[in-house]
């Protein structure tokens, strides 16, 4: 089932890039990110409350909170840089370079989680890196 969720994530990420490119035209990219963040906040918390999942907040550990905060900071910075890049660059190039995060995540998963680095994974990461370089070149 994870694969279907990942595909949906990729689909909506693609729409995000296209919609954001149009949305950031002629406005400050930080303002655009702020507006987007409010929409996400309302959408996600609505889902949490509708599904009755807010009651689970009491079970969060300090470790959960710390790393969710760090993840939120990383996400916020990623979005700010992504929107600025979209504002001044081509969607196809910005989105491709942004997906370099996949190769970086593979490296971090090996370092932090001791995930197995297979030949298939290495080849996939190298293809992503190569593709990113090709897209980034003018």
N, C-alpha and C. Protein backbone atom coordinates (compact mmCIF):
# COMPACT_ATOMS: atom_id res chain seq x y z
N UNK A 1 0.81 -1.20 0.00
CA UNK A 1 0.00 0.00 0.00
C UNK A 1 0.86 1.27 0.00
N UNK A 2 2.05 1.18 0.59
CA UNK A 2 2.94 2.35 0.65
C UNK A 2 3.23 2.90 -0.74
N UNK A 3 3.33 2.00 -1.72
CA UNK A 3 3.68 2.40 -3.07
C UNK A 3 2.62 3.32 -3.67
N UNK A 4 1.34 3.00 -3.42
CA UNK A 4 0.25 3.81 -3.94
C UNK A 4 0.24 5.21 -3.31
N UNK A 5 0.51 5.25 -2.00
CA UNK A 5 0.61 6.55 -1.33
C UNK A 5 1.79 7.35 -1.88
N UNK A 6 2.90 6.67 -2.15
CA UNK A 6 4.07 7.35 -2.70
C UNK A 6 3.78 7.89 -4.11
N UNK A 7 3.05 7.11 -4.91
CA UNK A 7 2.66 7.58 -6.24
C UNK A 7 1.75 8.80 -6.16
N UNK A 8 0.80 8.76 -5.24
CA UNK A 8 -0.08 9.90 -5.05
C UNK A 8 0.72 11.12 -4.59
N UNK A 9 1.69 10.89 -3.73
CA UNK A 9 2.57 11.98 -3.28
C UNK A 9 3.29 12.59 -4.47
N UNK A 10 3.84 11.76 -5.33
CA UNK A 10 4.55 12.25 -6.52
C UNK A 10 3.61 13.03 -7.44
N UNK A 11 2.41 12.51 -7.62
CA UNK A 11 1.43 13.19 -8.47
C UNK A 11 1.11 14.58 -7.93
N UNK A 12 0.80 14.65 -6.64
CA UNK A 12 0.46 15.95 -6.06
C UNK A 12 1.67 16.87 -5.95
N UNK A 13 2.86 16.32 -5.80
CA UNK A 13 4.08 17.13 -5.81
C UNK A 13 4.27 17.78 -7.18
N UNK A 14 3.94 17.04 -8.23
CA UNK A 14 4.03 17.60 -9.58
C UNK A 14 3.04 18.75 -9.75
N UNK A 15 1.80 18.56 -9.29
CA UNK A 15 0.82 19.64 -9.34
C UNK A 15 1.28 20.82 -8.50
N UNK A 16 1.91 20.53 -7.36
CA UNK A 16 2.42 21.59 -6.49
C UNK A 16 3.38 22.49 -7.25
N UNK A 17 4.29 21.88 -7.99
CA UNK A 17 5.28 22.67 -8.74
C UNK A 17 4.61 23.56 -9.78
N UNK A 18 3.67 23.00 -10.52
CA UNK A 18 3.00 23.75 -11.57
C UNK A 18 2.14 24.88 -10.98
N UNK A 19 1.34 24.54 -9.98
CA UNK A 19 0.48 25.55 -9.36
C UNK A 19 1.31 26.64 -8.68
N UNK A 20 2.39 26.23 -8.02
CA UNK A 20 3.24 27.20 -7.31
C UNK A 20 3.92 28.15 -8.28
N UNK A 21 4.37 27.64 -9.41
CA UNK A 21 5.02 28.50 -10.40
C UNK A 21 4.08 29.62 -10.84
N UNK A 22 2.82 29.28 -11.04
CA UNK A 22 1.83 30.29 -11.41
C UNK A 22 1.56 31.20 -10.21
N UNK A 23 1.46 30.61 -9.04
CA UNK A 23 1.11 31.37 -7.83
C UNK A 23 2.16 32.36 -7.38
N UNK A 24 3.44 32.09 -7.66
CA UNK A 24 4.49 33.00 -7.20
C UNK A 24 4.79 34.12 -8.18
N UNK A 25 4.11 34.12 -9.31
CA UNK A 25 4.39 35.17 -10.29
C UNK A 25 3.95 36.53 -9.74
N UNK A 26 4.88 37.46 -9.78
CA UNK A 26 4.64 38.85 -9.39
C UNK A 26 4.36 39.07 -7.91
N UNK A 27 4.70 38.09 -7.04
CA UNK A 27 4.61 38.33 -5.60
C UNK A 27 5.87 37.79 -4.93
N UNK A 28 6.08 38.17 -3.70
CA UNK A 28 7.23 37.71 -2.93
C UNK A 28 7.09 36.21 -2.67
N UNK A 29 8.15 35.46 -2.91
CA UNK A 29 8.09 34.00 -2.75
C UNK A 29 7.87 33.59 -1.29
N UNK A 30 8.36 34.38 -0.33
CA UNK A 30 8.12 34.06 1.08
C UNK A 30 6.65 34.24 1.44
N UNK A 31 6.03 35.28 0.90
CA UNK A 31 4.60 35.48 1.12
C UNK A 31 3.82 34.31 0.52
N UNK A 32 4.20 33.89 -0.67
CA UNK A 32 3.53 32.76 -1.32
C UNK A 32 3.67 31.49 -0.47
N UNK A 33 4.85 31.27 0.09
CA UNK A 33 5.07 30.11 0.95
C UNK A 33 4.21 30.21 2.20
N UNK A 34 4.11 31.40 2.76
CA UNK A 34 3.28 31.59 3.95
C UNK A 34 1.82 31.28 3.69
N UNK A 35 1.31 31.75 2.56
CA UNK A 35 -0.08 31.48 2.20
C UNK A 35 -0.29 29.97 2.02
N UNK A 36 0.61 29.34 1.32
CA UNK A 36 0.53 27.89 1.09
C UNK A 36 0.53 27.14 2.42
N UNK A 37 1.38 27.59 3.34
CA UNK A 37 1.51 26.92 4.63
C UNK A 37 0.22 27.00 5.44
N UNK A 38 -0.45 28.14 5.40
CA UNK A 38 -1.73 28.28 6.11
C UNK A 38 -2.75 27.31 5.53
N UNK A 39 -2.80 27.17 4.22
CA UNK A 39 -3.74 26.25 3.58
C UNK A 39 -3.44 24.81 4.03
N UNK A 40 -2.16 24.46 4.03
CA UNK A 40 -1.77 23.12 4.47
C UNK A 40 -2.15 22.89 5.93
N UNK A 41 -1.91 23.90 6.76
CA UNK A 41 -2.23 23.81 8.18
C UNK A 41 -3.72 23.52 8.39
N UNK A 42 -4.56 24.29 7.72
CA UNK A 42 -6.01 24.11 7.85
C UNK A 42 -6.43 22.74 7.31
N UNK A 43 -5.91 22.36 6.14
CA UNK A 43 -6.28 21.08 5.53
C UNK A 43 -5.89 19.89 6.42
N UNK A 44 -4.65 19.87 6.86
CA UNK A 44 -4.17 18.71 7.62
C UNK A 44 -4.84 18.63 9.00
N UNK A 45 -4.97 19.76 9.69
CA UNK A 45 -5.63 19.71 11.00
C UNK A 45 -7.10 19.36 10.86
N UNK A 46 -7.74 19.75 9.78
CA UNK A 46 -9.13 19.34 9.54
C UNK A 46 -9.22 17.83 9.44
N UNK A 47 -8.29 17.23 8.70
CA UNK A 47 -8.28 15.77 8.56
C UNK A 47 -8.02 15.11 9.91
N UNK A 48 -7.07 15.64 10.68
CA UNK A 48 -6.76 15.08 12.00
C UNK A 48 -8.00 15.10 12.89
N UNK A 49 -8.70 16.23 12.93
CA UNK A 49 -9.88 16.33 13.78
C UNK A 49 -11.05 15.50 13.26
N UNK A 50 -11.27 15.49 11.96
CA UNK A 50 -12.36 14.70 11.38
C UNK A 50 -12.16 13.21 11.67
N UNK A 51 -10.91 12.75 11.60
CA UNK A 51 -10.62 11.34 11.86
C UNK A 51 -10.47 11.01 13.34
N UNK A 52 -10.59 12.01 14.22
CA UNK A 52 -10.48 11.78 15.66
C UNK A 52 -9.08 11.44 16.11
N UNK A 53 -8.09 11.89 15.40
CA UNK A 53 -6.69 11.53 15.70
C UNK A 53 -6.00 12.50 16.65
N UNK A 54 -6.64 13.62 16.95
CA UNK A 54 -6.02 14.62 17.85
C UNK A 54 -5.83 14.06 19.26
N UNK A 55 -6.65 13.09 19.65
CA UNK A 55 -6.54 12.51 20.99
C UNK A 55 -5.21 11.80 21.21
N UNK A 56 -4.52 11.44 20.14
CA UNK A 56 -3.23 10.76 20.25
C UNK A 56 -2.08 11.69 20.62
N UNK A 57 -2.33 13.00 20.67
CA UNK A 57 -1.26 13.95 20.98
C UNK A 57 -0.66 13.70 22.36
N UNK A 58 -1.46 13.19 23.28
CA UNK A 58 -0.97 12.91 24.63
C UNK A 58 0.06 11.81 24.68
N UNK A 59 0.14 11.00 23.65
CA UNK A 59 1.08 9.88 23.64
C UNK A 59 2.43 10.24 23.01
N UNK A 60 2.60 11.50 22.58
CA UNK A 60 3.85 11.90 21.97
C UNK A 60 4.97 11.98 23.02
N UNK A 61 6.11 11.42 22.67
CA UNK A 61 7.27 11.52 23.55
C UNK A 61 8.05 12.79 23.25
N UNK A 62 8.98 13.14 24.13
CA UNK A 62 9.83 14.29 23.86
C UNK A 62 10.63 14.08 22.58
N UNK A 63 11.02 12.84 22.32
CA UNK A 63 11.78 12.50 21.10
C UNK A 63 10.90 12.72 19.87
N UNK A 64 9.63 12.28 19.94
CA UNK A 64 8.70 12.52 18.83
C UNK A 64 8.59 14.01 18.55
N UNK A 65 8.37 14.77 19.59
CA UNK A 65 8.18 16.21 19.44
C UNK A 65 9.43 16.87 18.88
N UNK A 66 10.59 16.53 19.43
CA UNK A 66 11.84 17.13 18.96
C UNK A 66 12.05 16.89 17.47
N UNK A 67 11.90 15.64 17.05
CA UNK A 67 12.18 15.33 15.65
C UNK A 67 11.07 15.79 14.71
N UNK A 68 9.84 15.90 15.19
CA UNK A 68 8.79 16.48 14.36
C UNK A 68 9.02 17.98 14.20
N UNK A 69 9.51 18.64 15.26
CA UNK A 69 9.85 20.07 15.15
C UNK A 69 11.00 20.25 14.17
N UNK A 70 12.04 19.42 14.30
CA UNK A 70 13.17 19.52 13.36
C UNK A 70 12.73 19.25 11.93
N UNK A 71 11.85 18.27 11.74
CA UNK A 71 11.31 17.98 10.42
C UNK A 71 10.50 19.16 9.89
N UNK A 72 9.74 19.79 10.77
CA UNK A 72 8.97 20.97 10.36
C UNK A 72 9.86 22.13 9.95
N UNK A 73 10.94 22.34 10.69
CA UNK A 73 11.89 23.40 10.33
C UNK A 73 12.52 23.08 8.97
N UNK A 74 12.93 21.83 8.78
CA UNK A 74 13.54 21.43 7.51
C UNK A 74 12.54 21.59 6.36
N UNK A 75 11.29 21.21 6.59
CA UNK A 75 10.26 21.36 5.57
C UNK A 75 10.03 22.83 5.23
N UNK A 76 9.93 23.65 6.26
CA UNK A 76 9.73 25.08 6.03
C UNK A 76 10.85 25.70 5.23
N UNK A 77 12.08 25.37 5.58
CA UNK A 77 13.22 25.90 4.82
C UNK A 77 13.21 25.37 3.39
N UNK A 78 12.88 24.09 3.23
CA UNK A 78 12.80 23.49 1.90
C UNK A 78 11.78 24.23 1.05
N UNK A 79 10.61 24.50 1.62
CA UNK A 79 9.55 25.18 0.88
C UNK A 79 9.96 26.60 0.51
N UNK A 80 10.59 27.31 1.45
CA UNK A 80 11.02 28.68 1.16
C UNK A 80 12.01 28.71 -0.01
N UNK A 81 12.98 27.80 0.02
CA UNK A 81 13.97 27.75 -1.07
C UNK A 81 13.34 27.25 -2.36
N UNK A 82 12.41 26.31 -2.27
CA UNK A 82 11.74 25.75 -3.44
C UNK A 82 10.92 26.84 -4.15
N UNK A 83 10.17 27.60 -3.38
CA UNK A 83 9.35 28.65 -3.98
C UNK A 83 10.22 29.73 -4.60
N UNK A 84 11.32 30.09 -3.96
CA UNK A 84 12.22 31.09 -4.54
C UNK A 84 12.81 30.55 -5.83
N UNK A 85 13.22 29.29 -5.83
CA UNK A 85 13.77 28.68 -7.05
C UNK A 85 12.73 28.65 -8.16
N UNK A 86 11.48 28.30 -7.81
CA UNK A 86 10.41 28.27 -8.82
C UNK A 86 10.14 29.66 -9.39
N UNK A 87 10.24 30.66 -8.53
CA UNK A 87 9.97 32.02 -8.98
C UNK A 87 10.95 32.47 -10.06
N UNK A 88 12.20 32.04 -9.94
CA UNK A 88 13.22 32.53 -10.87
C UNK A 88 13.70 31.48 -11.87
N UNK A 89 13.29 30.24 -11.68
CA UNK A 89 13.75 29.17 -12.57
C UNK A 89 12.62 28.49 -13.31
N UNK A 90 12.99 27.53 -14.14
CA UNK A 90 12.01 26.73 -14.89
C UNK A 90 11.50 25.60 -14.00
N UNK A 91 10.21 25.32 -14.09
CA UNK A 91 9.60 24.26 -13.28
C UNK A 91 10.33 22.93 -13.52
N UNK A 92 10.59 22.60 -14.77
CA UNK A 92 11.22 21.31 -15.08
C UNK A 92 12.60 21.20 -14.44
N UNK A 93 13.35 22.27 -14.40
CA UNK A 93 14.67 22.22 -13.80
C UNK A 93 14.60 22.22 -12.28
N UNK A 94 13.76 23.09 -11.72
CA UNK A 94 13.65 23.18 -10.26
C UNK A 94 13.14 21.86 -9.69
N UNK A 95 12.09 21.31 -10.30
CA UNK A 95 11.53 20.05 -9.80
C UNK A 95 12.55 18.92 -9.89
N UNK A 96 13.33 18.89 -10.96
CA UNK A 96 14.34 17.85 -11.11
C UNK A 96 15.42 17.97 -10.05
N UNK A 97 15.90 19.16 -9.82
CA UNK A 97 16.94 19.35 -8.80
C UNK A 97 16.38 19.05 -7.42
N UNK A 98 15.13 19.44 -7.18
CA UNK A 98 14.49 19.15 -5.90
C UNK A 98 14.45 17.65 -5.62
N UNK A 99 14.30 16.85 -6.67
CA UNK A 99 14.24 15.40 -6.49
C UNK A 99 15.60 14.79 -6.17
N UNK A 100 16.63 15.60 -6.21
CA UNK A 100 17.94 15.15 -5.73
C UNK A 100 17.83 14.75 -4.25
N UNK A 101 16.79 15.23 -3.60
CA UNK A 101 16.54 14.86 -2.21
C UNK A 101 16.40 13.35 -2.05
N UNK A 102 15.96 12.67 -3.09
CA UNK A 102 15.83 11.21 -3.04
C UNK A 102 17.21 10.58 -2.84
N UNK A 103 18.18 11.00 -3.63
CA UNK A 103 19.53 10.46 -3.50
C UNK A 103 20.13 10.81 -2.14
N UNK A 104 19.90 12.04 -1.69
CA UNK A 104 20.40 12.45 -0.38
C UNK A 104 19.74 11.64 0.72
N UNK A 105 18.44 11.39 0.59
CA UNK A 105 17.72 10.59 1.59
C UNK A 105 18.26 9.16 1.63
N UNK A 106 18.63 8.61 0.49
CA UNK A 106 19.21 7.26 0.45
C UNK A 106 20.51 7.24 1.25
N UNK A 107 21.35 8.23 1.02
CA UNK A 107 22.62 8.31 1.76
C UNK A 107 22.37 8.45 3.25
N UNK A 108 21.45 9.34 3.63
CA UNK A 108 21.14 9.54 5.05
C UNK A 108 20.51 8.29 5.67
N UNK A 109 19.71 7.55 4.91
CA UNK A 109 19.10 6.32 5.45
C UNK A 109 20.15 5.27 5.76
N UNK A 110 21.20 5.24 4.97
CA UNK A 110 22.30 4.30 5.23
C UNK A 110 23.07 4.75 6.47
N UNK A 111 23.35 6.04 6.57
CA UNK A 111 24.12 6.57 7.69
C UNK A 111 23.37 6.50 9.02
N UNK A 112 22.10 6.90 9.03
CA UNK A 112 21.35 7.00 10.28
C UNK A 112 20.58 5.74 10.65
N UNK A 113 20.07 5.01 9.65
CA UNK A 113 19.21 3.87 9.94
C UNK A 113 19.84 2.53 9.56
N UNK A 114 21.08 2.61 9.07
CA UNK A 114 21.82 1.40 8.68
C UNK A 114 21.05 0.57 7.66
N UNK A 115 20.30 1.26 6.79
CA UNK A 115 19.60 0.54 5.73
C UNK A 115 20.63 -0.03 4.76
N UNK A 116 20.29 -1.15 4.19
CA UNK A 116 21.20 -1.84 3.28
C UNK A 116 21.30 -1.09 1.97
N UNK A 117 22.52 -0.88 1.54
CA UNK A 117 22.77 -0.21 0.27
C UNK A 117 23.05 -1.29 -0.77
N UNK A 118 22.06 -1.58 -1.60
CA UNK A 118 22.20 -2.61 -2.61
C UNK A 118 22.72 -2.00 -3.91
N UNK A 119 23.15 -2.85 -4.81
CA UNK A 119 23.61 -2.39 -6.12
C UNK A 119 22.48 -1.65 -6.83
N UNK A 120 21.27 -2.19 -6.73
CA UNK A 120 20.10 -1.56 -7.34
C UNK A 120 19.88 -0.15 -6.79
N UNK A 121 20.02 0.01 -5.49
CA UNK A 121 19.85 1.32 -4.86
C UNK A 121 20.93 2.29 -5.31
N UNK A 122 22.16 1.81 -5.37
CA UNK A 122 23.28 2.67 -5.80
C UNK A 122 23.06 3.12 -7.24
N UNK A 123 22.68 2.19 -8.11
CA UNK A 123 22.44 2.53 -9.52
C UNK A 123 21.29 3.53 -9.62
N UNK A 124 20.21 3.30 -8.88
CA UNK A 124 19.07 4.21 -8.89
C UNK A 124 19.48 5.61 -8.43
N UNK A 125 20.25 5.69 -7.35
CA UNK A 125 20.70 7.00 -6.85
C UNK A 125 21.60 7.69 -7.87
N UNK A 126 22.49 6.92 -8.50
CA UNK A 126 23.38 7.51 -9.50
C UNK A 126 22.59 8.00 -10.72
N UNK A 127 21.55 7.28 -11.09
CA UNK A 127 20.70 7.73 -12.19
C UNK A 127 19.96 9.02 -11.83
N UNK A 128 19.49 9.11 -10.60
CA UNK A 128 18.82 10.34 -10.14
C UNK A 128 19.80 11.51 -10.18
N UNK A 129 21.00 11.28 -9.67
CA UNK A 129 22.03 12.33 -9.66
C UNK A 129 22.38 12.74 -11.09
N UNK A 130 22.54 11.75 -11.97
CA UNK A 130 22.85 12.04 -13.37
C UNK A 130 21.72 12.82 -14.04
N UNK A 131 20.50 12.41 -13.80
CA UNK A 131 19.34 13.09 -14.36
C UNK A 131 19.26 14.53 -13.85
N UNK A 132 19.55 14.71 -12.58
CA UNK A 132 19.53 16.06 -12.01
C UNK A 132 20.55 16.95 -12.69
N UNK A 133 21.74 16.42 -12.90
CA UNK A 133 22.78 17.19 -13.59
C UNK A 133 22.35 17.55 -15.00
N UNK A 134 21.74 16.59 -15.70
CA UNK A 134 21.26 16.87 -17.06
C UNK A 134 20.20 17.95 -17.10
N UNK A 135 19.25 17.89 -16.17
CA UNK A 135 18.19 18.89 -16.12
C UNK A 135 18.73 20.27 -15.72
N UNK A 136 19.72 20.28 -14.85
CA UNK A 136 20.25 21.55 -14.33
C UNK A 136 21.09 22.28 -15.38
N UNK A 137 21.66 21.53 -16.31
CA UNK A 137 22.47 22.17 -17.36
C UNK A 137 21.57 22.93 -18.31
N UNK A 138 22.03 24.05 -18.76
CA UNK A 138 21.23 24.85 -19.71
C UNK A 138 21.49 24.43 -21.12
